[in-house]
PDB file of N, CA and C in Angstrom:
ATOM      1  N   MET A   1     129.163 158.032  74.782  1.00  0.00           N
ATOM      2  CA  MET A   1     128.824 156.646  74.545  1.00  0.00           C
ATOM      3  C   MET A   1     129.050 155.793  75.783  1.00  0.00           C
ATOM      4  N   ILE A   2     130.176 156.019  76.446  1.00  0.00           N
ATOM      5  CA  ILE A   2     130.470 155.250  77.653  1.00  0.00           C
ATOM      6  C   ILE A   2     129.456 155.551  78.746  1.00  0.00           C
ATOM      7  N   ASN A   3     128.955 156.779  78.790  1.00  0.00           N
ATOM      8  CA  ASN A   3     127.941 157.143  79.781  1.00  0.00           C
ATOM      9  C   ASN A   3     126.643 156.369  79.563  1.00  0.00           C
ATOM     10  N   ILE A   4     126.285 156.153  78.321  1.00  0.00           N
ATOM     11  CA  ILE A   4     125.069 155.407  77.996  1.00  0.00           C
ATOM     12  C   ILE A   4     125.223 153.952  78.419  1.00  0.00           C
ATOM     13  N   ILE A   5     126.363 153.356  78.189  1.00  0.00           N
ATOM     14  CA  ILE A   5     126.623 151.964  78.580  1.00  0.00           C
ATOM     15  C   ILE A   5     126.554 151.830  80.103  1.00  0.00           C
ATOM     16  N   ILE A   6     127.166 152.751  80.810  1.00  0.00           N
ATOM     17  CA  ILE A   6     127.125 152.725  82.274  1.00  0.00           C
ATOM     18  C   ILE A   6     125.691 152.883  82.761  1.00  0.00           C
ATOM     19  N   LEU A   7     124.937 153.768  82.154  1.00  0.00           N
ATOM     20  CA  LEU A   7     123.547 153.977  82.520  1.00  0.00           C
ATOM     21  C   LEU A   7     122.730 152.704  82.307  1.00  0.00           C
ATOM     22  N   ILE A   8     122.951 152.004  81.229  1.00  0.00           N
ATOM     23  CA  ILE A   8     122.234 150.748  80.943  1.00  0.00           C
ATOM     24  C   ILE A   8     122.590 149.689  81.979  1.00  0.00           C
ATOM     25  N   ILE A   9     123.852 149.582  82.333  1.00  0.00           N
ATOM     26  CA  ILE A   9     124.283 148.593  83.326  1.00  0.00           C
ATOM     27  C   ILE A   9     123.663 148.894  84.683  1.00  0.00           C
ATOM     28  N   VAL A  10     123.667 150.156  85.082  1.00  0.00           N
ATOM     29  CA  VAL A  10     123.076 150.541  86.363  1.00  0.00           C
ATOM     30  C   VAL A  10     121.569 150.266  86.359  1.00  0.00           C
ATOM     31  N   ALA A  11     120.893 150.589  85.273  1.00  0.00           N
ATOM     32  CA  ALA A  11     119.448 150.353  85.166  1.00  0.00           C
ATOM     33  C   ALA A  11     119.143 148.855  85.265  1.00  0.00           C
ATOM     34  N   ALA A  12     119.942 148.031  84.601  1.00  0.00           N
ATOM     35  CA  ALA A  12     119.744 146.581  84.663  1.00  0.00           C
ATOM     36  C   ALA A  12     119.952 146.068  86.080  1.00  0.00           C
ATOM     37  N   ALA A  13     120.958 146.581  86.772  1.00  0.00           N
ATOM     38  CA  ALA A  13     121.219 146.168  88.151  1.00  0.00           C
ATOM     39  C   ALA A  13     120.055 146.541  89.059  1.00  0.00           C
ATOM     40  N   VAL A  14     119.482 147.718  88.868  1.00  0.00           N
ATOM     41  CA  VAL A  14     118.345 148.154  89.670  1.00  0.00           C
ATOM     42  C   VAL A  14     117.137 147.261  89.408  1.00  0.00           C
ATOM     43  N   VAL A  15     116.861 146.965  88.161  1.00  0.00           N
ATOM     44  CA  VAL A  15     115.732 146.105  87.808  1.00  0.00           C
ATOM     45  C   VAL A  15     115.909 144.728  88.448  1.00  0.00           C
ATOM     46  N   LEU A  16     117.086 144.144  88.372  1.00  0.00           N
ATOM     47  CA  LEU A  16     117.331 142.839  88.978  1.00  0.00           C
ATOM     48  C   LEU A  16     117.167 142.886  90.492  1.00  0.00           C
ATOM     49  N   ALA A  17     117.633 143.937  91.117  1.00  0.00           N
ATOM     50  CA  ALA A  17     117.497 144.077  92.563  1.00  0.00           C
ATOM     51  C   ALA A  17     116.027 144.161  92.966  1.00  0.00           C
ATOM     52  N   VAL A  18     115.247 144.925  92.241  1.00  0.00           N
ATOM     53  CA  VAL A  18     113.820 145.056  92.536  1.00  0.00           C
ATOM     54  C   VAL A  18     113.118 143.716  92.355  1.00  0.00           C
ATOM     55  N   MET A  19     113.441 142.988  91.314  1.00  0.00           N
ATOM     56  CA  MET A  19     112.836 141.680  91.075  1.00  0.00           C
ATOM     57  C   MET A  19     113.179 140.722  92.209  1.00  0.00           C
ATOM     58  N   ARG A  20     114.404 140.742  92.675  1.00  0.00           N
ATOM     59  CA  ARG A  20     114.835 139.868  93.750  1.00  0.00           C
ATOM     60  C   ARG A  20     114.105 140.204  95.044  1.00  0.00           C
ATOM     61  N   ILE A  21     113.914 141.476  95.331  1.00  0.00           N
ATOM     62  CA  ILE A  21     113.205 141.898  96.537  1.00  0.00           C
ATOM     63  C   ILE A  21     111.746 141.466  96.462  1.00  0.00           C
ATOM     64  N   ARG A  22     111.120 141.697  95.338  1.00  0.00           N
ATOM     65  CA  ARG A  22     109.715 141.312  95.186  1.00  0.00           C
ATOM     66  C   ARG A  22     109.537 139.816  95.282  1.00  0.00           C
ATOM     67  N   LYS A  23     110.447 139.061  94.758  1.00  0.00           N
ATOM     68  CA  LYS A  23     110.357 137.610  94.803  1.00  0.00           C
ATOM     69  C   LYS A  23     110.332 137.137  96.240  1.00  0.00           C
ATOM     70  N   GLY A  24     111.180 137.664  97.088  1.00  0.00           N
ATOM     71  CA  GLY A  24     111.216 137.269  98.486  1.00  0.00           C
ATOM     72  C   GLY A  24     110.033 137.765  99.275  1.00  0.00           C
ATOM     73  N   ALA A  25     109.542 138.951  98.995  1.00  0.00           N
ATOM     74  CA  ALA A  25     108.477 139.543  99.799  1.00  0.00           C
ATOM     75  C   ALA A  25     107.096 139.040  99.424  1.00  0.00           C
ATOM     76  N   GLY A  26     106.913 138.550  98.209  1.00  0.00           N
ATOM     77  CA  GLY A  26     105.571 138.211  97.781  1.00  0.00           C
ATOM     78  C   GLY A  26     105.179 136.775  98.008  1.00  0.00           C
ATOM     79  N   GLY A  27     106.079 135.937  98.469  1.00  0.00           N
ATOM     80  CA  GLY A  27     105.776 134.534  98.635  1.00  0.00           C
ATOM     81  C   GLY A  27     105.159 134.222  99.981  1.00  0.00           C
ATOM     82  N   CYS A  28     105.186 132.970 100.327  1.00  0.00           N
ATOM     83  CA  CYS A  28     104.564 132.498 101.548  1.00  0.00           C
ATOM     84  C   CYS A  28     105.283 132.995 102.779  1.00  0.00           C
ATOM     85  N   CYS A  29     106.598 133.084 102.718  1.00  0.00           N
ATOM     86  CA  CYS A  29     107.356 133.403 103.922  1.00  0.00           C
ATOM     87  C   CYS A  29     108.488 134.377 103.660  1.00  0.00           C
ATOM     88  N   GLY A  30     108.738 134.698 102.420  1.00  0.00           N
ATOM     89  CA  GLY A  30     109.824 135.610 102.099  1.00  0.00           C
ATOM     90  C   GLY A  30     111.153 134.916 101.857  1.00  0.00           C
ATOM     91  N   CYS A  31     111.153 133.574 101.873  1.00  0.00           N
ATOM     92  CA  CYS A  31     112.416 132.881 101.649  1.00  0.00           C
ATOM     93  C   CYS A  31     112.851 133.037 100.194  1.00  0.00           C
ATOM     94  N   SER A  32     114.121 132.883  99.944  1.00  0.00           N
ATOM     95  CA  SER A  32     114.647 133.123  98.602  1.00  0.00           C
ATOM     96  C   SER A  32     114.248 132.050  97.605  1.00  0.00           C
ATOM     97  N   SER A  33     113.761 130.896  98.062  1.00  0.00           N
ATOM     98  CA  SER A  33     113.408 129.838  97.125  1.00  0.00           C
ATOM     99  C   SER A  33     111.968 129.909  96.657  1.00  0.00           C
ATOM    100  N   CYS A  34     111.167 130.800  97.239  1.00  0.00           N
ATOM    101  CA  CYS A  34     109.771 130.934  96.830  1.00  0.00           C
ATOM    102  C   CYS A  34     109.680 131.650  95.489  1.00  0.00           C
ATOM    103  N   SER A  35     108.679 131.299  94.741  1.00  0.00           N
ATOM    104  CA  SER A  35     108.478 131.937  93.446  1.00  0.00           C
ATOM    105  C   SER A  35     107.572 133.143  93.539  1.00  0.00           C
ATOM    106  N   GLY A  36     107.084 133.437  94.727  1.00  0.00           N
ATOM    107  CA  GLY A  36     106.157 134.554  94.882  1.00  0.00           C
ATOM    108  C   GLY A  36     104.726 134.149  94.618  1.00  0.00           C
ATOM    109  N   GLY A  37     104.494 132.884  94.316  1.00  0.00           N
ATOM    110  CA  GLY A  37     103.142 132.438  94.023  1.00  0.00           C
ATOM    111  C   GLY A  37     102.680 131.340  94.951  1.00  0.00           C
ATOM    112  N   CYS A  38     103.076 131.372  96.198  1.00  0.00           N
ATOM    113  CA  CYS A  38     102.727 130.316  97.137  1.00  0.00           C
ATOM    114  C   CYS A  38     101.264 130.353  97.538  1.00  0.00           C
ATOM    115  N   SER A  39     100.668 131.521  97.509  1.00  0.00           N
ATOM    116  CA  SER A  39      99.293 131.632  97.955  1.00  0.00           C
ATOM    117  C   SER A  39      98.388 130.840  97.034  1.00  0.00           C
ATOM    118  N   SER A  40      97.450 130.099  97.640  1.00  0.00           N
ATOM    119  CA  SER A  40      96.572 129.254  96.850  1.00  0.00           C
ATOM    120  C   SER A  40      95.204 129.167  97.497  1.00  0.00           C
ATOM    121  N   ALA A  41      94.268 128.609  96.774  1.00  0.00           N
ATOM    122  CA  ALA A  41      92.887 128.580  97.230  1.00  0.00           C
ATOM    123  C   ALA A  41      92.633 127.532  98.304  1.00  0.00           C
ATOM    124  N   GLY A  42      93.511 126.567  98.466  1.00  0.00           N
ATOM    125  CA  GLY A  42      93.330 125.568  99.504  1.00  0.00           C
ATOM    126  C   GLY A  42      92.292 124.521  99.158  1.00  0.00           C
ATOM    127  N   LYS A  43      92.114 124.192  97.900  1.00  0.00           N
ATOM    128  CA  LYS A  43      91.112 123.237  97.492  1.00  0.00           C
ATOM    129  C   LYS A  43      91.755 121.873  97.304  1.00  0.00           C
ATOM    130  N   GLY A  44      91.645 121.037  98.304  1.00  0.00           N
ATOM    131  CA  GLY A  44      92.171 119.679  98.217  1.00  0.00           C
ATOM    132  C   GLY A  44      91.229 118.820  97.402  1.00  0.00           C
ATOM    133  N   ASN A  45      91.559 117.528  97.289  1.00  0.00           N
ATOM    134  CA  ASN A  45      90.720 116.675  96.466  1.00  0.00           C
ATOM    135  C   ASN A  45      89.640 115.975  97.280  1.00  0.00           C
ATOM    136  N   SER A  46      89.563 116.231  98.581  1.00  0.00           N
ATOM    137  CA  SER A  46      88.545 115.599  99.392  1.00  0.00           C
ATOM    138  C   SER A  46      87.268 116.442  99.369  1.00  0.00           C
ATOM    139  N   ASP A  47      86.167 115.778  99.679  1.00  0.00           N
ATOM    140  CA  ASP A  47      84.904 116.490  99.798  1.00  0.00           C
ATOM    141  C   ASP A  47      84.967 117.305 101.081  1.00  0.00           C
ATOM    142  N   LYS A  48      84.667 118.584 100.992  1.00  0.00           N
ATOM    143  CA  LYS A  48      84.781 119.472 102.155  1.00  0.00           C
ATOM    144  C   LYS A  48      83.874 119.034 103.298  1.00  0.00           C
ATOM    145  N   ASP A  49      82.810 118.276 102.980  1.00  0.00           N
ATOM    146  CA  ASP A  49      81.885 117.810 104.014  1.00  0.00           C
ATOM    147  C   ASP A  49      82.375 116.544 104.714  1.00  0.00           C
ATOM    148  N   THR A  50      83.487 115.974 104.256  1.00  0.00           N
ATOM    149  CA  THR A  50      84.016 114.766 104.873  1.00  0.00           C
ATOM    150  C   THR A  50      84.394 115.046 106.320  1.00  0.00           C
ATOM    151  N   LEU A  51      83.904 114.187 107.213  1.00  0.00           N
ATOM    152  CA  LEU A  51      84.254 114.283 108.627  1.00  0.00           C
ATOM    153  C   LEU A  51      85.164 113.115 108.972  1.00  0.00           C
ATOM    154  N   TYR A  52      86.288 113.421 109.574  1.00  0.00           N
ATOM    155  CA  TYR A  52      87.217 112.388 110.009  1.00  0.00           C
ATOM    156  C   TYR A  52      87.001 112.169 111.499  1.00  0.00           C
ATOM    157  N   PRO A  53      86.762 110.917 111.921  1.00  0.00           N
ATOM    158  CA  PRO A  53      86.455 110.653 113.321  1.00  0.00           C
ATOM    159  C   PRO A  53      87.677 110.783 114.234  1.00  0.00           C
ATOM    160  N   ALA A  54      87.391 110.956 115.518  1.00  0.00           N
ATOM    161  CA  ALA A  54      88.463 110.983 116.519  1.00  0.00           C
ATOM    162  C   ALA A  54      89.264 109.695 116.417  1.00  0.00           C
ATOM    163  N   SER A  55      90.497 109.747 116.760  1.00  0.00           N
ATOM    164  CA  SER A  55      91.502 108.684 116.690  1.00  0.00           C
ATOM    165  C   SER A  55      91.867 108.278 115.260  1.00  0.00           C
ATOM    166  N   SER A  56      91.551 109.120 114.293  1.00  0.00           N
ATOM    167  CA  SER A  56      92.004 108.889 112.916  1.00  0.00           C
ATOM    168  C   SER A  56      93.441 109.363 112.773  1.00  0.00           C
ATOM    169  N   SER A  57      94.152 108.709 111.873  1.00  0.00           N
ATOM    170  CA  SER A  57      95.485 109.158 111.468  1.00  0.00           C
ATOM    171  C   SER A  57      95.409 109.492 109.989  1.00  0.00           C
ATOM    172  N   LEU A  58      95.854 110.701 109.649  1.00  0.00           N
ATOM    173  CA  LEU A  58      95.753 111.193 108.279  1.00  0.00           C
ATOM    174  C   LEU A  58      97.118 111.645 107.781  1.00  0.00           C
ATOM    175  N   VAL A  59      97.236 111.680 106.468  1.00  0.00           N
ATOM    176  CA  VAL A  59      98.381 112.326 105.827  1.00  0.00           C
ATOM    177  C   VAL A  59      97.817 113.356 104.864  1.00  0.00           C
ATOM    178  N   LEU A  60      98.249 114.597 105.036  1.00  0.00           N
ATOM    179  CA  LEU A  60      97.842 115.676 104.152  1.00  0.00           C
ATOM    180  C   LEU A  60      98.992 115.973 103.206  1.00  0.00           C
ATOM    181  N   ASP A  61      98.758 115.868 101.911  1.00  0.00           N
ATOM    182  CA  ASP A  61      99.756 116.277 100.925  1.00  0.00           C
ATOM    183  C   ASP A  61      99.564 117.776 100.710  1.00  0.00           C
ATOM    184  N   ILE A  62     100.677 118.531 100.806  1.00  0.00           N
ATOM    185  CA  ILE A  62     100.607 119.989 100.800  1.00  0.00           C
ATOM    186  C   ILE A  62     101.581 120.555  99.777  1.00  0.00           C
ATOM    187  N   THR A  63     101.124 121.517  98.980  1.00  0.00           N
ATOM    188  CA  THR A  63     102.010 122.178  98.024  1.00  0.00           C
ATOM    189  C   THR A  63     102.331 123.588  98.491  1.00  0.00           C
ATOM    190  N   GLY A  64     103.487 124.075  98.041  1.00  0.00           N
ATOM    191  CA  GLY A  64     103.864 125.453  98.289  1.00  0.00           C
ATOM    192  C   GLY A  64     104.897 125.657  99.371  1.00  0.00           C
ATOM    193  N   MET A  65     105.239 124.609 100.128  1.00  0.00           N
ATOM    194  CA  MET A  65     106.230 124.773 101.189  1.00  0.00           C
ATOM    195  C   MET A  65     107.636 124.694 100.592  1.00  0.00           C
ATOM    196  N   HIS A  66     108.495 125.666 100.970  1.00  0.00           N
ATOM    197  CA  HIS A  66     109.840 125.725 100.413  1.00  0.00           C
ATOM    198  C   HIS A  66     110.950 125.718 101.450  1.00  0.00           C
ATOM    199  N   CYS A  67     110.613 125.987 102.713  1.00  0.00           N
ATOM    200  CA  CYS A  67     111.655 126.112 103.730  1.00  0.00           C
ATOM    201  C   CYS A  67     111.087 125.746 105.100  1.00  0.00           C
ATOM    202  N   GLU A  68     111.957 125.757 106.101  1.00  0.00           N
ATOM    203  CA  GLU A  68     111.541 125.432 107.466  1.00  0.00           C
ATOM    204  C   GLU A  68     110.500 126.416 107.995  1.00  0.00           C
ATOM    205  N   LYS A  69     110.604 127.663 107.584  1.00  0.00           N
ATOM    206  CA  LYS A  69     109.620 128.657 108.024  1.00  0.00           C
ATOM    207  C   LYS A  69     108.238 128.304 107.475  1.00  0.00           C
ATOM    208  N   CYS A  70     108.191 127.844 106.238  1.00  0.00           N
ATOM    209  CA  CYS A  70     106.924 127.416 105.635  1.00  0.00           C
ATOM    210  C   CYS A  70     106.330 126.235 106.414  1.00  0.00           C
ATOM    211  N   SER A  71     107.135 125.201 106.634  1.00  0.00           N
ATOM    212  CA  SER A  71     106.626 124.019 107.329  1.00  0.00           C
ATOM    213  C   SER A  71     106.255 124.345 108.770  1.00  0.00           C
ATOM    214  N   GLY A  72     106.994 125.257 109.397  1.00  0.00           N
ATOM    215  CA  GLY A  72     106.649 125.684 110.756  1.00  0.00           C
ATOM    216  C   GLY A  72     105.311 126.385 110.798  1.00  0.00           C
ATOM    217  N   SER A  73     105.035 127.183 109.799  1.00  0.00           N
ATOM    218  CA  SER A  73     103.767 127.892 109.718  1.00  0.00           C
ATOM    219  C   SER A  73     102.597 126.915 109.576  1.00  0.00           C
ATOM    220  N   VAL A  74     102.765 125.888 108.743  1.00  0.00           N
ATOM    221  CA  VAL A  74     101.717 124.879 108.545  1.00  0.00           C
ATOM    222  C   VAL A  74     101.528 124.067 109.827  1.00  0.00           C
ATOM    223  N   THR A  75     102.630 123.689 110.464  1.00  0.00           N
ATOM    224  CA  THR A  75     102.556 122.937 111.721  1.00  0.00           C
ATOM    225  C   THR A  75     101.769 123.727 112.765  1.00  0.00           C
ATOM    226  N   GLU A  76     102.108 124.992 112.892  1.00  0.00           N
ATOM    227  CA  GLU A  76     101.431 125.863 113.854  1.00  0.00           C
ATOM    228  C   GLU A  76      99.941 125.968 113.552  1.00  0.00           C
ATOM    229  N   ALA A  77      99.592 126.134 112.290  1.00  0.00           N
ATOM    230  CA  ALA A  77      98.190 126.279 111.898  1.00  0.00           C
ATOM    231  C   ALA A  77      97.385 125.019 112.201  1.00  0.00           C
ATOM    232  N   LEU A  78      97.944 123.864 111.874  1.00  0.00           N
ATOM    233  CA  LEU A  78      97.228 122.610 112.119  1.00  0.00           C
ATOM    234  C   LEU A  78      97.105 122.322 113.611  1.00  0.00           C
ATOM    235  N   ASN A  79      98.185 122.530 114.352  1.00  0.00           N
ATOM    236  CA  ASN A  79      98.155 122.253 115.788  1.00  0.00           C
ATOM    237  C   ASN A  79      97.262 123.220 116.555  1.00  0.00           C
ATOM    238  N   ALA A  80      96.923 124.348 115.958  1.00  0.00           N
ATOM    239  CA  ALA A  80      96.009 125.297 116.593  1.00  0.00           C
ATOM    240  C   ALA A  80      94.561 124.812 116.545  1.00  0.00           C
ATOM    241  N   LEU A  81      94.280 123.830 115.689  1.00  0.00           N
ATOM    242  CA  LEU A  81      92.930 123.280 115.601  1.00  0.00           C
ATOM    243  C   LEU A  81      92.678 122.360 116.789  1.00  0.00           C
ATOM    244  N   ASP A  82      91.500 122.467 117.377  1.00  0.00           N
ATOM    245  CA  ASP A  82      91.138 121.655 118.529  1.00  0.00           C
ATOM    246  C   ASP A  82      91.108 120.175 118.141  1.00  0.00           C
ATOM    247  N   GLY A  83      91.869 119.371 118.869  1.00  0.00           N
ATOM    248  CA  GLY A  83      91.878 117.933 118.631  1.00  0.00           C
ATOM    249  C   GLY A  83      92.851 117.472 117.570  1.00  0.00           C
ATOM    250  N   VAL A  84      93.725 118.354 117.091  1.00  0.00           N
ATOM    251  CA  VAL A  84      94.670 118.004 116.023  1.00  0.00           C
ATOM    252  C   VAL A  84      96.102 118.047 116.557  1.00  0.00           C
ATOM    253  N   SER A  85      96.847 116.999 116.262  1.00  0.00           N
ATOM    254  CA  SER A  85      98.279 116.960 116.548  1.00  0.00           C
ATOM    255  C   SER A  85      98.969 116.653 115.219  1.00  0.00           C
ATOM    256  N   ALA A  86      99.809 117.579 114.759  1.00  0.00           N
ATOM    257  CA  ALA A  86     100.398 117.453 113.425  1.00  0.00           C
ATOM    258  C   ALA A  86     101.909 117.599 113.454  1.00  0.00           C
ATOM    259  N   GLU A  87     102.553 116.861 112.562  1.00  0.00           N
ATOM    260  CA  GLU A  87     103.982 117.001 112.297  1.00  0.00           C
ATOM    261  C   GLU A  87     104.137 117.146 110.793  1.00  0.00           C
ATOM    262  N   VAL A  88     104.844 118.190 110.365  1.00  0.00           N
ATOM    263  CA  VAL A  88     105.009 118.459 108.938  1.00  0.00           C
ATOM    264  C   VAL A  88     106.375 117.965 108.471  1.00  0.00           C
ATOM    265  N   ASP A  89     106.367 117.291 107.334  1.00  0.00           N
ATOM    266  CA  ASP A  89     107.584 116.786 106.716  1.00  0.00           C
ATOM    267  C   ASP A  89     107.840 117.609 105.456  1.00  0.00           C
ATOM    268  N   LEU A  90     108.760 118.555 105.549  1.00  0.00           N
ATOM    269  CA  LEU A  90     109.058 119.445 104.424  1.00  0.00           C
ATOM    270  C   LEU A  90     109.576 118.663 103.223  1.00  0.00           C
ATOM    271  N   LYS A  91     110.427 117.688 103.466  1.00  0.00           N
ATOM    272  CA  LYS A  91     111.026 116.912 102.379  1.00  0.00           C
ATOM    273  C   LYS A  91     109.966 116.202 101.525  1.00  0.00           C
ATOM    274  N   ASN A  92     108.923 115.691 102.189  1.00  0.00           N
ATOM    275  CA  ASN A  92     107.865 114.977 101.474  1.00  0.00           C
ATOM    276  C   ASN A  92     106.636 115.836 101.201  1.00  0.00           C
ATOM    277  N   ASN A  93     106.694 117.119 101.582  1.00  0.00           N
ATOM    278  CA  ASN A  93     105.562 118.028 101.387  1.00  0.00           C
ATOM    279  C   ASN A  93     104.265 117.432 101.915  1.00  0.00           C
ATOM    280  N   SER A  94     104.318 116.981 103.173  1.00  0.00           N
ATOM    281  CA  SER A  94     103.139 116.371 103.764  1.00  0.00           C
ATOM    282  C   SER A  94     103.089 116.661 105.258  1.00  0.00           C
ATOM    283  N   ALA A  95     101.925 116.389 105.825  1.00  0.00           N
ATOM    284  CA  ALA A  95     101.740 116.515 107.270  1.00  0.00           C
ATOM    285  C   ALA A  95     101.087 115.243 107.778  1.00  0.00           C
ATOM    286  N   SER A  96     101.652 114.677 108.841  1.00  0.00           N
ATOM    287  CA  SER A  96     101.038 113.544 109.525  1.00  0.00           C
ATOM    288  C   SER A  96     100.167 114.120 110.627  1.00  0.00           C
ATOM    289  N   VAL A  97      98.906 113.737 110.616  1.00  0.00           N
ATOM    290  CA  VAL A  97      97.934 114.313 111.535  1.00  0.00           C
ATOM    291  C   VAL A  97      97.254 113.202 112.323  1.00  0.00           C
ATOM    292  N   LYS A  98      97.203 113.385 113.640  1.00  0.00           N
ATOM    293  CA  LYS A  98      96.466 112.482 114.513  1.00  0.00           C
ATOM    294  C   LYS A  98      95.344 113.294 115.143  1.00  0.00           C
ATOM    295  N   LEU A  99      94.148 112.693 115.148  1.00  0.00           N
ATOM    296  CA  LEU A  99      92.972 113.401 115.652  1.00  0.00           C
ATOM    297  C   LEU A  99      92.515 112.820 116.986  1.00  0.00           C
ATOM    298  N   SER A 100      92.191 113.698 117.927  1.00  0.00           N
ATOM    299  CA  SER A 100      91.577 113.271 119.179  1.00  0.00           C
ATOM    300  C   SER A 100      90.108 113.701 119.221  1.00  0.00           C
ATOM    301  N   LYS A 101      89.695 114.459 118.222  1.00  0.00           N
ATOM    302  CA  LYS A 101      88.301 114.882 118.056  1.00  0.00           C
ATOM    303  C   LYS A 101      87.946 114.817 116.583  1.00  0.00           C
ATOM    304  N   GLU A 102      86.667 114.698 116.303  1.00  0.00           N
ATOM    305  CA  GLU A 102      86.185 114.703 114.925  1.00  0.00           C
ATOM    306  C   GLU A 102      86.473 116.069 114.295  1.00  0.00           C
ATOM    307  N   ILE A 103      86.880 116.045 113.019  1.00  0.00           N
ATOM    308  CA  ILE A 103      87.149 117.305 112.310  1.00  0.00           C
ATOM    309  C   ILE A 103      86.821 117.121 110.821  1.00  0.00           C
ATOM    310  N   SER A 104      86.441 118.202 110.196  1.00  0.00           N
ATOM    311  CA  SER A 104      86.091 118.147 108.773  1.00  0.00           C
ATOM    312  C   SER A 104      87.312 118.409 107.895  1.00  0.00           C
ATOM    313  N   ALA A 105      87.229 117.917 106.681  1.00  0.00           N
ATOM    314  CA  ALA A 105      88.262 118.196 105.686  1.00  0.00           C
ATOM    315  C   ALA A 105      88.343 119.698 105.451  1.00  0.00           C
ATOM    316  N   GLU A 106      87.198 120.357 105.481  1.00  0.00           N
ATOM    317  CA  GLU A 106      87.150 121.798 105.252  1.00  0.00           C
ATOM    318  C   GLU A 106      87.997 122.557 106.274  1.00  0.00           C
ATOM    319  N   LYS A 107      87.918 122.179 107.543  1.00  0.00           N
ATOM    320  CA  LYS A 107      88.691 122.871 108.581  1.00  0.00           C
ATOM    321  C   LYS A 107      90.187 122.633 108.410  1.00  0.00           C
ATOM    322  N   LEU A 108      90.560 121.408 108.078  1.00  0.00           N
ATOM    323  CA  LEU A 108      91.977 121.107 107.863  1.00  0.00           C
ATOM    324  C   LEU A 108      92.522 121.913 106.681  1.00  0.00           C
ATOM    325  N   GLU A 109      91.785 121.884 105.580  1.00  0.00           N
ATOM    326  CA  GLU A 109      92.208 122.600 104.384  1.00  0.00           C
ATOM    327  C   GLU A 109      92.236 124.111 104.609  1.00  0.00           C
ATOM    328  N   ALA A 110      91.263 124.628 105.349  1.00  0.00           N
ATOM    329  CA  ALA A 110      91.211 126.075 105.615  1.00  0.00           C
ATOM    330  C   ALA A 110      92.404 126.522 106.455  1.00  0.00           C
ATOM    331  N   ALA A 111      92.782 125.713 107.443  1.00  0.00           N
ATOM    332  CA  ALA A 111      93.922 126.074 108.293  1.00  0.00           C
ATOM    333  C   ALA A 111      95.199 126.184 107.468  1.00  0.00           C
ATOM    334  N   VAL A 112      95.365 125.265 106.530  1.00  0.00           N
ATOM    335  CA  VAL A 112      96.556 125.267 105.669  1.00  0.00           C
ATOM    336  C   VAL A 112      96.483 126.413 104.659  1.00  0.00           C
ATOM    337  N   SER A 113      95.327 126.597 104.034  1.00  0.00           N
ATOM    338  CA  SER A 113      95.207 127.646 103.007  1.00  0.00           C
ATOM    339  C   SER A 113      95.296 129.042 103.609  1.00  0.00           C
ATOM    340  N   ASP A 114      94.894 129.197 104.873  1.00  0.00           N
ATOM    341  CA  ASP A 114      95.019 130.501 105.530  1.00  0.00           C
ATOM    342  C   ASP A 114      96.476 130.922 105.662  1.00  0.00           C
ATOM    343  N   ARG A 115      97.385 129.959 105.618  1.00  0.00           N
ATOM    344  CA  ARG A 115      98.816 130.253 105.689  1.00  0.00           C
ATOM    345  C   ARG A 115      99.451 130.366 104.305  1.00  0.00           C
ATOM    346  N   GLY A 116      98.634 130.180 103.243  1.00  0.00           N
ATOM    347  CA  GLY A 116      99.126 130.373 101.882  1.00  0.00           C
ATOM    348  C   GLY A 116      99.571 129.114 101.171  1.00  0.00           C
ATOM    349  N   PHE A 117      99.116 127.960 101.646  1.00  0.00           N
ATOM    350  CA  PHE A 117      99.506 126.688 101.040  1.00  0.00           C
ATOM    351  C   PHE A 117      98.253 125.924 100.640  1.00  0.00           C
ATOM    352  N   GLU A 118      98.424 124.802  99.952  1.00  0.00           N
ATOM    353  CA  GLU A 118      97.268 124.057  99.467  1.00  0.00           C
ATOM    354  C   GLU A 118      97.368 122.588  99.838  1.00  0.00           C
ATOM    355  N   VAL A 119      96.269 122.056 100.389  1.00  0.00           N
ATOM    356  CA  VAL A 119      96.156 120.613 100.623  1.00  0.00           C
ATOM    357  C   VAL A 119      95.677 120.007  99.307  1.00  0.00           C
ATOM    358  N   THR A 120      96.488 119.126  98.730  1.00  0.00           N
ATOM    359  CA  THR A 120      96.120 118.519  97.455  1.00  0.00           C
ATOM    360  C   THR A 120      95.449 117.157  97.617  1.00  0.00           C
ATOM    361  N   ARG A 121      95.699 116.534  98.785  1.00  0.00           N
ATOM    362  CA  ARG A 121      95.079 115.220  99.028  1.00  0.00           C
ATOM    363  C   ARG A 121      95.113 114.950 100.519  1.00  0.00           C
ATOM    364  N   ILE A 122      94.065 114.283 101.001  1.00  0.00           N
ATOM    365  CA  ILE A 122      94.024 113.797 102.375  1.00  0.00           C
ATOM    366  C   ILE A 122      93.861 112.291 102.321  1.00  0.00           C
ATOM    367  N   ARG A 123      94.806 111.606 102.947  1.00  0.00           N
ATOM    368  CA  ARG A 123      94.775 110.139 102.983  1.00  0.00           C
ATOM    369  C   ARG A 123      94.544 109.667 104.417  1.00  0.00           C
ATOM    370  N   VAL A 124      93.664 108.679 104.573  1.00  0.00           N
ATOM    371  CA  VAL A 124      93.421 108.064 105.872  1.00  0.00           C
ATOM    372  C   VAL A 124      94.337 106.862 105.979  1.00  0.00           C
ATOM    373  N   LEU A 125      95.056 106.787 107.101  1.00  0.00           N
ATOM    374  CA  LEU A 125      95.959 105.635 107.311  1.00  0.00           C
ATOM    375  C   LEU A 125      95.232 104.526 108.028  1.00  0.00           C
TER     376      LEU A 125
END
C-alpha cells in the first residue's frame, strides 16, 4: 500500500514538472509568467491599408508581453523597420513609435506579430 502511495506522489511530481517545462518553453520567450499562448495573429483594429506619414508619432497597444525579454523583442522588431524609432513600455503594454518615413499599419502589425504578440490598437498622437 505504501508503495502505491509513493508511486502516485512521484507520478504527480513528474506531471507537474512536465507542465512547468512546457509552460516556459511554449510561450513568447520562455519566461515563467507566460501562459504558453502568447502567439497571436497580429490583427490590430486599424485598417491594414492605412499609411502613416513621415514625422507621425504613434502609440501601439500590444498584448502578450510579460517580461523584459518580451518587450526587448518587440523593440528590436519595430526598430528593424526602415524609418521607425520605437520605445516599448512593458508596464503599459504599448510602444511609442516615431516615423521618419511613411509606413503602413500592416508592416507595423506584422513586425510585432512575427515576434508572437498582437497590436490591438494604433493611435496617432
